Protein backbone atom coordinates (compact mmCIF):
# COMPACT_ATOMS: atom_id res chain seq x y z
CA UNK A 1 0.00 0.00 0.00
CA UNK A 2 1.08 3.52 -0.62
CA UNK A 3 1.97 5.50 2.45
CA UNK A 4 -0.30 8.41 3.22
CA UNK A 5 -3.33 6.79 1.50
CA UNK A 6 -6.32 6.34 3.75
CA UNK A 7 -7.28 2.76 4.47
CA UNK A 8 -10.40 2.16 2.37
CA UNK A 9 -12.81 0.12 4.47
CA UNK A 10 -16.51 -0.16 3.99
CA UNK A 11 -18.48 1.99 6.37
CA UNK A 12 -19.01 0.04 9.58
CA UNK A 13 -22.40 1.65 10.10
CA UNK A 14 -25.22 0.33 7.96
CA UNK A 15 -27.86 2.59 6.57
CA UNK A 16 -30.92 2.76 8.77
CA UNK A 17 -33.90 1.10 7.16
CA UNK A 18 -36.99 3.25 7.58
CA UNK A 19 -39.77 1.63 9.58
CA UNK A 20 -43.32 1.52 8.28
CA UNK A 21 -45.49 4.29 9.70
CA UNK A 22 -47.74 1.96 11.70
CA UNK A 23 -44.75 0.24 13.29
CA UNK A 24 -43.17 3.58 14.17
CA UNK A 25 -46.43 4.84 15.69
CA UNK A 26 -46.79 1.73 17.83
CA UNK A 27 -43.19 1.82 19.05
CA UNK A 28 -43.03 4.90 21.28
CA UNK A 29 -45.01 5.94 24.37
CA UNK A 30 -48.05 7.00 22.38
CA UNK A 31 -48.19 3.52 20.93
CA UNK A 32 -50.03 2.24 24.01
CA UNK A 33 -53.00 4.43 23.18
CA UNK A 34 -52.98 3.32 19.57
CA UNK A 35 -52.65 -0.35 20.55
CA UNK A 36 -55.63 0.00 22.90
CA UNK A 37 -57.72 1.66 20.19
CA UNK A 38 -56.87 -1.17 17.78
CA UNK A 39 -57.73 -3.74 20.46
CA UNK A 40 -61.10 -2.07 21.13
CA UNK A 41 -61.83 -1.95 17.40
CA UNK A 42 -61.01 -5.66 17.02
CA UNK A 43 -63.17 -6.46 20.04
CA UNK A 44 -66.02 -4.40 18.57
CA UNK A 45 -65.69 -6.38 15.31
CA UNK A 46 -65.91 -9.65 17.29
CA UNK A 47 -68.94 -8.55 19.31
CA UNK A 48 -70.89 -6.96 16.44
CA UNK A 49 -72.12 -10.25 14.89
CA UNK A 50 -73.20 -11.46 18.36
CA UNK A 51 -75.43 -8.44 19.04
CA UNK A 52 -79.22 -8.74 18.86
CA UNK A 53 -80.66 -8.17 15.36
CA UNK A 54 -80.86 -4.53 14.33
CA UNK A 55 -78.68 -3.31 17.19
CA UNK A 56 -75.30 -3.73 15.46
CA UNK A 57 -75.88 -0.83 13.08
CA UNK A 58 -76.80 1.58 15.88
CA UNK A 59 -74.30 0.88 18.62
CA UNK A 60 -70.58 0.41 19.01
CA UNK A 61 -68.27 -0.78 21.76
CA UNK A 62 -66.52 2.32 23.08
CA UNK A 63 -64.53 1.01 26.03
CA UNK A 64 -63.89 -1.84 28.42
CA UNK A 65 -63.20 -0.45 31.85
CA UNK A 66 -62.83 -2.79 34.79
CA UNK A 67 -65.80 -5.09 34.59
CA UNK A 68 -67.87 -2.68 32.52
CA UNK A 69 -68.59 -2.72 28.81
CA UNK A 70 -69.26 0.79 27.56
CA UNK A 71 -71.40 1.05 24.43
CA UNK A 72 -72.29 4.17 22.46
CA UNK A 73 -75.57 4.44 20.55
CA UNK A 74 -76.84 6.96 18.03
CA UNK A 75 -80.20 7.66 19.69
CA UNK A 76 -82.01 7.26 23.00
CA UNK A 77 -84.23 4.55 21.48
CA UNK A 78 -81.23 2.35 20.75
CA UNK A 79 -79.80 3.16 24.16
CA UNK A 80 -82.94 1.68 25.71
CA UNK A 81 -82.58 -1.42 23.50
CA UNK A 82 -78.99 -1.87 24.67
CA UNK A 83 -80.16 -1.70 28.28
CA UNK A 84 -82.84 -4.34 27.53
CA UNK A 85 -80.24 -6.59 25.87
CA UNK A 86 -77.73 -6.31 28.73
CA UNK A 87 -77.79 -10.05 29.54
CA UNK A 88 -77.19 -10.97 25.88
CA UNK A 89 -74.35 -8.45 25.62
CA UNK A 90 -72.66 -9.80 28.74
CA UNK A 91 -72.95 -13.37 27.39
CA UNK A 92 -71.52 -12.28 24.03
CA UNK A 93 -68.58 -10.59 25.76
CA UNK A 94 -67.92 -13.68 27.84
CA UNK A 95 -67.90 -15.78 24.66
CA UNK A 96 -64.95 -13.74 23.32
CA UNK A 97 -62.92 -14.02 26.52
CA UNK A 98 -63.96 -11.02 28.61
CA UNK A 99 -65.42 -11.17 32.10
CA UNK A 100 -67.76 -8.17 32.30
CA UNK A 101 -70.19 -7.54 35.12
CA UNK A 102 -72.17 -4.58 33.76
CA UNK A 103 -73.08 -2.72 30.60
CA UNK A 104 -72.93 1.06 30.45
CA UNK A 105 -74.57 2.79 27.53
CA UNK A 106 -74.16 6.36 26.34
CA UNK A 107 -75.79 8.27 23.51
CA UNK A 108 -73.74 10.32 21.09
CA UNK A 109 -74.81 13.48 19.32
CA UNK A 110 -72.80 12.69 16.17
CA UNK A 111 -73.06 9.74 13.80
CA UNK A 112 -71.47 6.46 14.92
CA UNK A 113 -70.12 5.77 11.47
CA UNK A 114 -68.65 8.65 9.45
CA UNK A 115 -70.61 9.49 6.30
CA UNK A 116 -69.20 8.20 3.07
CA UNK A 117 -67.75 10.90 0.84
CA UNK A 118 -69.96 11.80 -2.08
CA UNK A 119 -68.64 10.86 -5.48
CA UNK A 120 -66.90 13.63 -7.40
CA UNK A 121 -69.40 13.54 -10.23
CA UNK A 122 -73.05 12.78 -9.64
CA UNK A 123 -74.37 9.99 -11.84
CA UNK A 124 -76.50 10.95 -14.81
CA UNK A 125 -80.08 10.17 -13.99
CA UNK A 126 -82.16 10.72 -17.09
CA UNK A 127 -81.87 9.12 -20.52
CA UNK A 128 -82.04 12.61 -22.04
CA UNK A 129 -78.94 13.68 -20.13
CA UNK A 130 -77.09 10.51 -21.20
CA UNK A 131 -78.05 11.13 -24.82
CA UNK A 132 -76.92 14.78 -24.65
CA UNK A 133 -73.51 13.82 -23.27
CA UNK A 134 -73.17 11.08 -25.90
CA UNK A 135 -74.03 13.53 -28.67
CA UNK A 136 -71.53 16.09 -27.36
CA UNK A 137 -68.76 13.48 -27.23
CA UNK A 138 -69.62 12.30 -30.76
CA UNK A 139 -69.47 15.87 -32.11
CA UNK A 140 -66.07 16.37 -30.47
CA UNK A 141 -64.76 13.18 -32.09
CA UNK A 142 -66.04 14.27 -35.52
CA UNK A 143 -64.40 17.70 -35.32
CA UNK A 144 -60.97 16.37 -34.18
CA UNK A 145 -58.73 16.30 -37.30
CA UNK A 146 -56.22 13.92 -35.75
CA UNK A 147 -58.86 11.17 -35.66
CA UNK A 148 -59.44 11.09 -39.41
CA UNK A 149 -57.15 8.70 -41.35
CA UNK A 150 -54.74 10.22 -43.83
CA UNK A 151 -54.95 13.72 -42.45
CA UNK A 152 -51.64 15.44 -42.14
CA UNK A 153 -52.44 18.17 -39.70
CA UNK A 154 -49.44 19.80 -38.03
CA UNK A 155 -48.63 18.64 -34.56
CA UNK A 156 -49.73 21.06 -31.88
CA UNK A 157 -47.07 23.66 -31.23
CA UNK A 158 -45.17 23.06 -34.49
CA UNK A 159 -44.61 25.97 -36.84
CA UNK A 160 -44.42 23.99 -40.05
CA UNK A 161 -47.34 22.79 -42.07
CA UNK A 162 -47.87 19.38 -43.69
CA UNK A 163 -44.96 17.93 -45.64
CA UNK A 164 -45.36 18.08 -49.44
């Protein structure tokens, strides 16, 4: 080796591989809150099919605190139905491994499930509207010179005309 030349060794440190966002979010102190929310959501998904008919769409498991299951409903009527179905709810919770002793039910002022975003373009409803759009598209196709075979129209932005 030549004297004075630095010893060329590969870098001992390896490049850090970025972690996926979910893994990074679960790793630090705030991850406990996120893990609990995911656990409650999974538990809600397990309990939902076991709920009495009609109730699943109007209530959601909000928390498990001590021996209490806390449900949230979207109206006072469904809150009353949850209270009437307390024994069934406790049995359903026991069937998925919990040991609850009571059901607490609260009513929310907002929707339980967020509304779905409206589509960007409303669908055409009438046959007349469909026909009008079809006619407009057909007239645009007819007036476009690049669609006709054998036409030698200049390319957009070019300053020269057709070759002769």
